[in-house]
Protein backbone atom coordinates (compact mmCIF):
# COMPACT_ATOMS: atom_id res chain seq x y z
CA UNK A 1 -53.55 -31.29 8.88
CA UNK A 2 -56.27 -28.95 10.18
CA UNK A 3 -55.44 -30.03 13.72
CA UNK A 4 -51.90 -28.74 13.29
CA UNK A 5 -53.23 -25.33 12.22
CA UNK A 6 -55.40 -25.15 15.30
CA UNK A 7 -52.53 -26.29 17.54
CA UNK A 8 -50.10 -23.64 16.32
CA UNK A 9 -52.74 -20.89 16.49
CA UNK A 10 -53.17 -21.19 20.27
CA UNK A 11 -50.09 -19.17 21.27
CA UNK A 12 -50.66 -16.42 18.67
CA UNK A 13 -51.97 -13.85 21.16
CA UNK A 14 -49.23 -14.62 23.66
CA UNK A 15 -46.60 -14.30 20.94
CA UNK A 16 -47.99 -10.91 19.85
CA UNK A 17 -48.03 -9.73 23.47
CA UNK A 18 -44.43 -10.84 24.13
CA UNK A 19 -43.26 -9.38 20.81
CA UNK A 20 -44.89 -6.03 21.66
CA UNK A 21 -43.09 -6.00 25.01
CA UNK A 22 -39.75 -6.90 23.42
CA UNK A 23 -40.03 -4.19 20.76
CA UNK A 24 -41.13 -1.60 23.35
CA UNK A 25 -38.16 -2.55 25.54
CA UNK A 26 -35.84 -2.24 22.55
CA UNK A 27 -36.91 1.37 22.02
CA UNK A 28 -36.43 2.32 25.68
CA UNK A 29 -32.70 3.07 25.84
CA UNK A 30 -32.45 4.92 22.48
CA UNK A 31 -35.57 6.98 23.26
CA UNK A 32 -34.35 7.93 26.73
CA UNK A 33 -30.92 8.92 25.41
CA UNK A 34 -32.53 11.15 22.78
CA UNK A 35 -34.88 12.76 25.29
CA UNK A 36 -32.25 13.31 28.00
CA UNK A 37 -29.83 14.83 25.50
CA UNK A 38 -32.21 16.52 23.07
CA UNK A 39 -29.71 19.23 22.03
CA UNK A 40 -27.08 16.60 21.27
CA UNK A 41 -29.71 14.59 19.38
CA UNK A 42 -30.57 17.65 17.31
CA UNK A 43 -26.90 18.27 16.54
CA UNK A 44 -26.44 14.62 15.59
CA UNK A 45 -29.52 14.72 13.33
CA UNK A 46 -28.07 17.80 11.61
CA UNK A 47 -24.67 16.13 11.20
CA UNK A 48 -26.14 13.10 9.43
CA UNK A 49 -28.31 15.19 7.13
CA UNK A 50 -31.79 14.72 8.60
CA UNK A 51 -33.91 17.63 7.33
CA UNK A 52 -35.51 19.97 9.88
CA UNK A 53 -33.36 18.54 12.68
CA UNK A 54 -34.63 21.09 15.24
CA UNK A 55 -38.15 19.74 14.70
CA UNK A 56 -37.31 16.11 13.98
CA UNK A 57 -35.22 15.45 17.11
CA UNK A 58 -38.04 16.08 19.61
CA UNK A 59 -40.64 14.67 17.18
CA UNK A 60 -38.82 11.35 16.75
CA UNK A 61 -38.11 11.22 20.49
CA UNK A 62 -41.81 11.75 21.25
CA UNK A 63 -42.84 9.04 18.79
CA UNK A 64 -40.38 6.60 20.36
CA UNK A 65 -41.53 7.44 23.90
CA UNK A 66 -45.19 7.12 22.90
CA UNK A 67 -44.32 3.85 21.17
CA UNK A 68 -42.86 2.39 24.36
CA UNK A 69 -46.02 3.16 26.32
CA UNK A 70 -48.56 2.33 23.61
CA UNK A 71 -46.94 -0.92 22.49
CA UNK A 72 -46.64 -2.07 26.10
CA UNK A 73 -50.32 -1.37 26.72
CA UNK A 74 -51.46 -2.52 23.30
CA UNK A 75 -53.20 0.81 22.77
CA UNK A 76 -53.52 2.35 19.28
CA UNK A 77 -51.08 -0.35 18.26
CA UNK A 78 -51.58 -0.17 14.51
CA UNK A 79 -51.21 3.63 14.43
CA UNK A 80 -48.08 3.81 16.60
CA UNK A 81 -46.57 0.90 14.67
CA UNK A 82 -46.93 2.88 11.43
CA UNK A 83 -45.25 5.91 13.00
CA UNK A 84 -42.43 3.79 14.42
CA UNK A 85 -42.00 2.15 11.00
CA UNK A 86 -41.32 5.63 9.61
CA UNK A 87 -38.75 6.20 12.37
CA UNK A 88 -37.09 2.86 11.53
CA UNK A 89 -37.10 3.68 7.82
CA UNK A 90 -35.36 6.96 8.64
CA UNK A 91 -32.84 5.17 10.86
CA UNK A 92 -32.08 2.72 8.06
CA UNK A 93 -31.68 5.42 5.40
CA UNK A 94 -29.84 8.10 7.40
CA UNK A 95 -27.77 6.02 9.82
CA UNK A 96 -27.34 2.35 8.95
CA UNK A 97 -27.65 1.77 5.19
CA UNK A 98 -24.18 3.09 4.43
CA UNK A 99 -22.70 0.42 6.70
CA UNK A 100 -24.29 -2.53 4.93
CA UNK A 101 -26.48 -5.22 6.47
CA UNK A 102 -24.42 -6.63 9.35
CA UNK A 103 -24.99 -5.44 12.89
CA UNK A 104 -21.27 -5.93 13.50
CA UNK A 105 -20.63 -2.94 11.19
CA UNK A 106 -23.58 -0.82 12.49
CA UNK A 107 -25.57 -1.98 9.49
CA UNK A 108 -29.33 -1.96 9.00
CA UNK A 109 -30.00 -5.50 10.26
CA UNK A 110 -31.51 -4.60 13.67
CA UNK A 111 -33.60 -1.63 12.45
CA UNK A 112 -34.91 -3.89 9.69
CA UNK A 113 -36.00 -6.49 12.28
CA UNK A 114 -37.80 -3.76 14.25
CA UNK A 115 -39.44 -2.56 11.04
CA UNK A 116 -40.65 -6.09 10.28
CA UNK A 117 -42.05 -6.62 13.79
CA UNK A 118 -43.82 -3.26 13.58
CA UNK A 119 -45.19 -4.27 10.19
CA UNK A 120 -46.62 -7.41 11.83
CA UNK A 121 -48.32 -5.27 14.51
CA UNK A 122 -49.65 -2.85 11.90
CA UNK A 123 -50.99 -5.75 9.82
CA UNK A 124 -52.33 -8.15 12.44
CA UNK A 125 -52.99 -5.78 15.34
CA UNK A 126 -51.96 -6.22 18.97
CA UNK A 127 -53.76 -9.48 19.71
CA UNK A 128 -56.17 -10.37 22.49
CA UNK A 129 -53.95 -9.20 25.35
CA UNK A 130 -54.26 -5.48 24.69
CA UNK A 131 -56.29 -2.42 25.56
CA UNK A 132 -57.15 -2.16 21.86
CA UNK A 133 -58.99 -5.47 22.23
CA UNK A 134 -61.01 -4.10 25.13
CA UNK A 135 -61.87 -0.85 23.37
CA UNK A 136 -62.13 -2.02 19.76
CA UNK A 137 -63.35 -5.61 19.58
CA UNK A 138 -62.19 -6.04 15.98
CA UNK A 139 -58.58 -5.85 17.25
CA UNK A 140 -58.97 -9.11 19.19
CA UNK A 141 -58.25 -11.56 16.40
CA UNK A 142 -54.87 -13.15 15.93
């Protein structure tokens, strides 16, 4: 049985790397839309009841943009994952929760999946294929 554990542990770093890239890619379009239309984003944030919308619109956009870069590089992965988890929690509460779970109804299914992937990164780190691993050796385990 121990052999099976060793066998399935081999791709762990590759899986973390590919998952980081997938999550970063998933943030790209929403982040770019927010940044390119920051006034519209602020108005939308106000319309759905997000407090301090004038501050939160550029703040959330900056976190998402930083998340794309940092997750792709595997740099400060745990920290940016925690910030992006807050963004996803806000998206679930303010945008998707009222529509239920299903993606078909704009529910919270997809933001929940992002939240869970980010939780994995925050818990286990970025894996061996990351700048974090080069800078902070303790981040190299997976």
